[in-house]
Amino acid sequence: MEKIYNDAVKRLQEFHSVQVEPLNQAAIPHPTHWLPPPQSVYKLNFDGATFPDMASVGLGVVARDSDGMVIASLSKRITLPPTVEDLEALACRRAVSFAIEIGLWDVVFEGDSEVVIKHLTAEQPCLAAFGHIIDEAGSLSTRLRKVSFSHTKRKGNTVADKLAKLARNLYEPKVWLEDIHSNVMSFVILDRGILPH
């Protein structure tokens, strides 16, 4: 038994001696602010906010161009879904259908739910309880010419977050074309102020 052990140790040492040392790579930090899409592509950020006392949630979507200019935005209140993941998936599906409604064909959809974005970009079907919503968003997105889904940190999604929270006081969905609610404009200006000129 000792001979087998010694032989295994010798082979393991031999194996390690011929391995190439990996290069030390610095971790690339994820940006914490909104980044514009490429030229001629639009970015739609989406988010959800919960209002448990009202048994409802808000959906917020904002479409911006590569200069950070608002193309369109929406705020909508709906009935409270079962989970936060359902809410984020519903916000994403609404963003995709909104892009189609306003005629944007080259789009990056961006949200701060890593779970939802992972399911949207996965090769295999989503088997989660909210999988049918993910499937609907994916199916709708096939109508677009160029589409991708991207995850951002919460700080990179503040405009959509504010639009979702704004829905608390709405009785019907509100859409702004080439505009946004005045209470949210300061967050758009902050995002644009970060961009290189």
C-alpha atoms as a PDB file:
ATOM      1  CA  MET A   1       0.000   0.000   0.000  1.00  0.00           C
ATOM      2  CA  GLU A   2       2.852   2.382   0.867  1.00  0.00           C
ATOM      3  CA  LYS A   3       4.441   1.725  -2.536  1.00  0.00           C
ATOM      4  CA  ILE A   4       1.210   2.696  -4.329  1.00  0.00           C
ATOM      5  CA  TYR A   5       0.952   5.845  -2.213  1.00  0.00           C
ATOM      6  CA  ASN A   6       4.584   6.861  -2.897  1.00  0.00           C
ATOM      7  CA  ASP A   7       4.110   6.177  -6.600  1.00  0.00           C
ATOM      8  CA  ALA A   8       0.946   8.316  -6.656  1.00  0.00           C
ATOM      9  CA  VAL A   9       2.717  11.193  -4.869  1.00  0.00           C
ATOM     10  CA  LYS A  10       5.643  10.983  -7.320  1.00  0.00           C
ATOM     11  CA  ARG A  11       3.309  11.053 -10.325  1.00  0.00           C
ATOM     12  CA  LEU A  12       1.340  13.963  -8.867  1.00  0.00           C
ATOM     13  CA  GLN A  13       4.553  15.945  -8.331  1.00  0.00           C
ATOM     14  CA  GLU A  14       5.632  15.121 -11.879  1.00  0.00           C
ATOM     15  CA  PHE A  15       2.252  16.278 -13.189  1.00  0.00           C
ATOM     16  CA  HIS A  16       2.456  19.610 -11.295  1.00  0.00           C
ATOM     17  CA  SER A  17       6.027  20.230 -12.477  1.00  0.00           C
ATOM     18  CA  VAL A  18       5.001  20.277 -16.148  1.00  0.00           C
ATOM     19  CA  GLN A  19       1.904  22.425 -15.716  1.00  0.00           C
ATOM     20  CA  VAL A  20       2.093  26.003 -16.984  1.00  0.00           C
ATOM     21  CA  GLU A  21       1.585  28.514 -14.220  1.00  0.00           C
ATOM     22  CA  PRO A  22      -1.623  30.482 -14.823  1.00  0.00           C
ATOM     23  CA  LEU A  23      -1.185  34.196 -15.372  1.00  0.00           C
ATOM     24  CA  ASN A  24      -2.404  36.334 -12.525  1.00  0.00           C
ATOM     25  CA  GLN A  25      -5.388  38.120 -13.990  1.00  0.00           C
ATOM     26  CA  ALA A  26      -6.948  41.044 -12.255  1.00  0.00           C
ATOM     27  CA  ALA A  27     -10.689  40.701 -11.835  1.00  0.00           C
ATOM     28  CA  ILE A  28     -12.525  43.046 -14.168  1.00  0.00           C
ATOM     29  CA  PRO A  29     -14.992  44.998 -12.065  1.00  0.00           C
ATOM     30  CA  HIS A  30     -18.551  45.301 -13.362  1.00  0.00           C
ATOM     31  CA  PRO A  31     -19.427  48.917 -13.983  1.00  0.00           C
ATOM     32  CA  THR A  32     -21.811  50.315 -11.406  1.00  0.00           C
ATOM     33  CA  HIS A  33     -23.224  53.022 -13.659  1.00  0.00           C
ATOM     34  CA  TRP A  34     -25.303  53.029 -16.825  1.00  0.00           C
ATOM     35  CA  LEU A  35     -23.333  52.478 -20.023  1.00  0.00           C
ATOM     36  CA  PRO A  36     -24.655  53.476 -23.449  1.00  0.00           C
ATOM     37  CA  PRO A  37     -25.295  50.922 -26.180  1.00  0.00           C
ATOM     38  CA  PRO A  38     -23.265  50.919 -29.409  1.00  0.00           C
ATOM     39  CA  GLN A  39     -24.143  53.421 -32.154  1.00  0.00           C
ATOM     40  CA  SER A  40     -27.510  52.685 -33.853  1.00  0.00           C
ATOM     41  CA  VAL A  41     -28.500  50.271 -31.055  1.00  0.00           C
ATOM     42  CA  TYR A  42     -30.973  51.119 -28.289  1.00  0.00           C
ATOM     43  CA  LYS A  43     -30.776  50.022 -24.678  1.00  0.00           C
ATOM     44  CA  LEU A  44     -33.939  49.221 -22.749  1.00  0.00           C
ATOM     45  CA  ASN A  45     -33.460  49.037 -19.004  1.00  0.00           C
ATOM     46  CA  PHE A  46     -36.215  47.363 -17.009  1.00  0.00           C
ATOM     47  CA  ASP A  47     -36.993  46.871 -13.343  1.00  0.00           C
ATOM     48  CA  GLY A  48     -39.768  46.074 -10.913  1.00  0.00           C
ATOM     49  CA  ALA A  49     -40.807  47.439  -7.522  1.00  0.00           C
ATOM     50  CA  THR A  50     -43.102  45.809  -4.983  1.00  0.00           C
ATOM     51  CA  PHE A  51     -45.954  47.477  -3.103  1.00  0.00           C
ATOM     52  CA  PRO A  52     -47.057  44.718  -0.654  1.00  0.00           C
ATOM     53  CA  ASP A  53     -49.497  47.017   1.163  1.00  0.00           C
ATOM     54  CA  MET A  54     -51.370  47.418  -2.155  1.00  0.00           C
ATOM     55  CA  ALA A  55     -50.886  43.797  -3.310  1.00  0.00           C
ATOM     56  CA  SER A  56     -49.341  45.156  -6.486  1.00  0.00           C
ATOM     57  CA  VAL A  57     -46.027  45.866  -8.195  1.00  0.00           C
ATOM     58  CA  GLY A  58     -44.657  48.462 -10.561  1.00  0.00           C
ATOM     59  CA  LEU A  59     -42.874  47.860 -13.847  1.00  0.00           C
ATOM     60  CA  GLY A  60     -40.478  50.455 -15.213  1.00  0.00           C
ATOM     61  CA  VAL A  61     -38.878  50.537 -18.671  1.00  0.00           C
ATOM     62  CA  VAL A  62     -36.716  53.196 -20.312  1.00  0.00           C
ATOM     63  CA  ALA A  63     -35.340  53.150 -23.868  1.00  0.00           C
ATOM     64  CA  ARG A  64     -32.223  55.228 -24.561  1.00  0.00           C
ATOM     65  CA  ASP A  65     -29.908  55.719 -27.505  1.00  0.00           C
ATOM     66  CA  SER A  66     -26.102  55.702 -27.634  1.00  0.00           C
ATOM     67  CA  ASP A  67     -26.002  59.335 -26.436  1.00  0.00           C
ATOM     68  CA  GLY A  68     -28.124  58.483 -23.387  1.00  0.00           C
ATOM     69  CA  MET A  69     -31.149  60.361 -24.751  1.00  0.00           C
ATOM     70  CA  VAL A  70     -34.534  58.989 -23.701  1.00  0.00           C
ATOM     71  CA  ILE A  71     -36.447  57.564 -26.682  1.00  0.00           C
ATOM     72  CA  ALA A  72     -39.423  56.362 -24.647  1.00  0.00           C
ATOM     73  CA  SER A  73     -40.299  55.277 -21.121  1.00  0.00           C
ATOM     74  CA  LEU A  74     -43.130  53.587 -19.308  1.00  0.00           C
ATOM     75  CA  SER A  75     -44.449  52.990 -15.825  1.00  0.00           C
ATOM     76  CA  LYS A  76     -47.170  50.445 -15.098  1.00  0.00           C
ATOM     77  CA  ARG A  77     -48.764  48.918 -12.000  1.00  0.00           C
ATOM     78  CA  ILE A  78     -49.933  45.287 -12.038  1.00  0.00           C
ATOM     79  CA  THR A  79     -51.154  42.675  -9.548  1.00  0.00           C
ATOM     80  CA  LEU A  80     -48.526  41.275  -7.191  1.00  0.00           C
ATOM     81  CA  PRO A  81     -46.891  38.161  -8.725  1.00  0.00           C
ATOM     82  CA  PRO A  82     -45.765  35.216  -6.523  1.00  0.00           C
ATOM     83  CA  THR A  83     -42.002  35.963  -6.441  1.00  0.00           C
ATOM     84  CA  VAL A  84     -39.433  38.679  -7.114  1.00  0.00           C
ATOM     85  CA  GLU A  85     -38.112  36.573 -10.016  1.00  0.00           C
ATOM     86  CA  ASP A  86     -41.621  36.558 -11.531  1.00  0.00           C
ATOM     87  CA  LEU A  87     -41.689  40.343 -11.177  1.00  0.00           C
ATOM     88  CA  GLU A  88     -38.300  40.813 -12.869  1.00  0.00           C
ATOM     89  CA  ALA A  89     -39.232  38.381 -15.651  1.00  0.00           C
ATOM     90  CA  LEU A  90     -42.519  40.281 -16.192  1.00  0.00           C
ATOM     91  CA  ALA A  91     -40.586  43.567 -16.366  1.00  0.00           C
ATOM     92  CA  CYS A  92     -38.274  42.049 -18.973  1.00  0.00           C
ATOM     93  CA  ARG A  93     -41.159  40.699 -21.043  1.00  0.00           C
ATOM     94  CA  ARG A  94     -42.792  44.149 -20.922  1.00  0.00           C
ATOM     95  CA  ALA A  95     -39.512  45.753 -22.067  1.00  0.00           C
ATOM     96  CA  VAL A  96     -39.336  43.404 -25.077  1.00  0.00           C
ATOM     97  CA  SER A  97     -42.936  44.063 -26.080  1.00  0.00           C
ATOM     98  CA  PHE A  98     -42.397  47.821 -25.543  1.00  0.00           C
ATOM     99  CA  ALA A  99     -39.419  47.784 -27.939  1.00  0.00           C
ATOM    100  CA  ILE A 100     -41.635  46.152 -30.580  1.00  0.00           C
ATOM    101  CA  GLU A 101     -44.480  48.625 -29.934  1.00  0.00           C
ATOM    102  CA  ILE A 102     -42.267  51.683 -30.440  1.00  0.00           C
ATOM    103  CA  GLY A 103     -40.419  50.227 -33.432  1.00  0.00           C
ATOM    104  CA  LEU A 104     -36.907  49.609 -32.087  1.00  0.00           C
ATOM    105  CA  TRP A 105     -35.227  46.687 -33.862  1.00  0.00           C
ATOM    106  CA  ASP A 106     -31.608  46.631 -32.630  1.00  0.00           C
ATOM    107  CA  VAL A 107     -31.826  46.397 -28.864  1.00  0.00           C
ATOM    108  CA  VAL A 108     -29.906  45.542 -25.695  1.00  0.00           C
ATOM    109  CA  PHE A 109     -32.221  44.660 -22.800  1.00  0.00           C
ATOM    110  CA  GLU A 110     -30.648  45.286 -19.413  1.00  0.00           C
ATOM    111  CA  GLY A 111     -31.855  44.517 -15.911  1.00  0.00           C
ATOM    112  CA  ASP A 112     -30.410  44.055 -12.439  1.00  0.00           C
ATOM    113  CA  SER A 113     -31.763  40.542 -11.831  1.00  0.00           C
ATOM    114  CA  GLU A 114     -28.860  38.206 -12.476  1.00  0.00           C
ATOM    115  CA  VAL A 115     -31.175  35.172 -12.249  1.00  0.00           C
ATOM    116  CA  VAL A 116     -33.506  36.440 -14.986  1.00  0.00           C
ATOM    117  CA  ILE A 117     -30.639  37.448 -17.309  1.00  0.00           C
ATOM    118  CA  LYS A 118     -28.937  34.046 -16.818  1.00  0.00           C
ATOM    119  CA  HIS A 119     -32.148  32.258 -17.806  1.00  0.00           C
ATOM    120  CA  LEU A 120     -32.656  34.526 -20.825  1.00  0.00           C
ATOM    121  CA  THR A 121     -29.140  33.870 -22.118  1.00  0.00           C
ATOM    122  CA  ALA A 122     -29.015  30.145 -21.304  1.00  0.00           C
ATOM    123  CA  GLU A 123     -29.007  27.550 -24.082  1.00  0.00           C
ATOM    124  CA  GLN A 124     -31.457  25.254 -22.290  1.00  0.00           C
ATOM    125  CA  PRO A 125     -35.131  26.025 -21.540  1.00  0.00           C
ATOM    126  CA  CYS A 126     -35.958  27.679 -18.211  1.00  0.00           C
ATOM    127  CA  LEU A 127     -37.480  25.122 -15.826  1.00  0.00           C
ATOM    128  CA  ALA A 128     -38.092  27.631 -13.022  1.00  0.00           C
ATOM    129  CA  ALA A 129     -41.643  28.511 -11.986  1.00  0.00           C
ATOM    130  CA  PHE A 130     -41.350  31.741 -13.998  1.00  0.00           C
ATOM    131  CA  GLY A 131     -39.990  29.868 -17.043  1.00  0.00           C
ATOM    132  CA  HIS A 132     -43.101  30.547 -19.115  1.00  0.00           C
ATOM    133  CA  ILE A 133     -42.503  34.311 -18.753  1.00  0.00           C
ATOM    134  CA  ILE A 134     -38.851  33.894 -19.772  1.00  0.00           C
ATOM    135  CA  ASP A 135     -39.969  31.816 -22.769  1.00  0.00           C
ATOM    136  CA  GLU A 136     -42.468  34.522 -23.785  1.00  0.00           C
ATOM    137  CA  ALA A 137     -39.789  37.240 -23.539  1.00  0.00           C
ATOM    138  CA  GLY A 138     -37.404  35.109 -25.602  1.00  0.00           C
ATOM    139  CA  SER A 139     -40.062  34.332 -28.175  1.00  0.00           C
ATOM    140  CA  LEU A 140     -41.050  38.000 -28.511  1.00  0.00           C
ATOM    141  CA  SER A 141     -37.405  38.984 -28.900  1.00  0.00           C
ATOM    142  CA  THR A 142     -37.110  36.853 -32.063  1.00  0.00           C
ATOM    143  CA  ARG A 143     -39.183  39.538 -33.823  1.00  0.00           C
ATOM    144  CA  LEU A 144     -36.276  41.950 -33.392  1.00  0.00           C
ATOM    145  CA  ARG A 145     -33.392  42.195 -35.845  1.00  0.00           C
ATOM    146  CA  LYS A 146     -30.579  42.330 -33.282  1.00  0.00           C
ATOM    147  CA  VAL A 147     -31.068  41.517 -29.607  1.00  0.00           C
ATOM    148  CA  SER A 148     -29.020  40.800 -26.504  1.00  0.00           C
ATOM    149  CA  PHE A 149     -29.659  40.614 -22.765  1.00  0.00           C
ATOM    150  CA  SER A 150     -27.286  42.166 -20.257  1.00  0.00           C
ATOM    151  CA  HIS A 151     -26.985  42.247 -16.473  1.00  0.00           C
ATOM    152  CA  THR A 152     -26.116  45.442 -14.629  1.00  0.00           C
ATOM    153  CA  LYS A 153     -25.654  46.339 -11.003  1.00  0.00           C
ATOM    154  CA  ARG A 154     -28.563  48.075  -9.278  1.00  0.00           C
ATOM    155  CA  LYS A 155     -26.763  51.458  -9.537  1.00  0.00           C
ATOM    156  CA  GLY A 156     -26.677  51.030 -13.313  1.00  0.00           C
ATOM    157  CA  ASN A 157     -30.449  50.601 -13.390  1.00  0.00           C
ATOM    158  CA  THR A 158     -31.684  53.576 -11.343  1.00  0.00           C
ATOM    159  CA  VAL A 159     -33.870  55.139 -14.055  1.00  0.00           C
ATOM    160  CA  ALA A 160     -35.886  51.943 -14.593  1.00  0.00           C
ATOM    161  CA  ASP A 161     -36.069  51.462 -10.811  1.00  0.00           C
ATOM    162  CA  LYS A 162     -37.501  54.971 -10.313  1.00  0.00           C
ATOM    163  CA  LEU A 163     -40.050  54.410 -13.101  1.00  0.00           C
ATOM    164  CA  ALA A 164     -41.131  51.143 -11.451  1.00  0.00           C
ATOM    165  CA  LYS A 165     -41.558  52.893  -8.069  1.00  0.00           C
ATOM    166  CA  LEU A 166     -43.478  55.724  -9.737  1.00  0.00           C
ATOM    167  CA  ALA A 167     -46.166  53.182 -10.741  1.00  0.00           C
ATOM    168  CA  ARG A 168     -47.368  53.093  -7.117  1.00  0.00           C
ATOM    169  CA  ASN A 169     -49.382  56.252  -7.751  1.00  0.00           C
ATOM    170  CA  LEU A 170     -50.683  55.324 -11.204  1.00  0.00           C
ATOM    171  CA  TYR A 171     -54.157  54.009 -11.949  1.00  0.00           C
ATOM    172  CA  GLU A 172     -53.334  53.175 -15.561  1.00  0.00           C
ATOM    173  CA  PRO A 173     -50.095  52.569 -17.482  1.00  0.00           C
ATOM    174  CA  LYS A 174     -48.228  55.718 -18.495  1.00  0.00           C
ATOM    175  CA  VAL A 175     -45.988  55.998 -21.581  1.00  0.00           C
ATOM    176  CA  TRP A 176     -43.781  58.951 -22.456  1.00  0.00           C
ATOM    177  CA  LEU A 177     -42.388  59.263 -26.004  1.00  0.00           C
ATOM    178  CA  GLU A 178     -39.051  61.102 -26.264  1.00  0.00           C
ATOM    179  CA  ASP A 179     -39.618  62.071 -22.636  1.00  0.00           C
ATOM    180  CA  ILE A 180     -39.762  60.767 -19.094  1.00  0.00           C
ATOM    181  CA  HIS A 181     -41.583  61.723 -15.885  1.00  0.00           C
ATOM    182  CA  SER A 182     -40.093  64.894 -14.374  1.00  0.00           C
ATOM    183  CA  ASN A 183     -39.348  63.063 -11.071  1.00  0.00           C
ATOM    184  CA  VAL A 184     -37.023  60.688 -12.953  1.00  0.00           C
ATOM    185  CA  MET A 185     -35.267  63.185 -15.250  1.00  0.00           C
ATOM    186  CA  SER A 186     -32.526  63.967 -12.712  1.00  0.00           C
ATOM    187  CA  PHE A 187     -31.439  60.294 -12.779  1.00  0.00           C
ATOM    188  CA  VAL A 188     -31.223  60.388 -16.597  1.00  0.00           C
ATOM    189  CA  ILE A 189     -29.076  63.534 -16.338  1.00  0.00           C
ATOM    190  CA  LEU A 190     -26.824  61.841 -13.767  1.00  0.00           C
ATOM    191  CA  ASP A 191     -26.356  58.835 -16.104  1.00  0.00           C
ATOM    192  CA  ARG A 192     -25.541  61.122 -19.046  1.00  0.00           C
ATOM    193  CA  GLY A 193     -23.090  63.119 -16.897  1.00  0.00           C
ATOM    194  CA  ILE A 194     -20.986  59.996 -16.382  1.00  0.00           C
ATOM    195  CA  LEU A 195     -20.666  59.349 -20.125  1.00  0.00           C
ATOM    196  CA  PRO A 196     -17.503  60.415 -21.961  1.00  0.00           C
ATOM    197  CA  HIS A 197     -18.116  63.356 -24.315  1.00  0.00           C
END
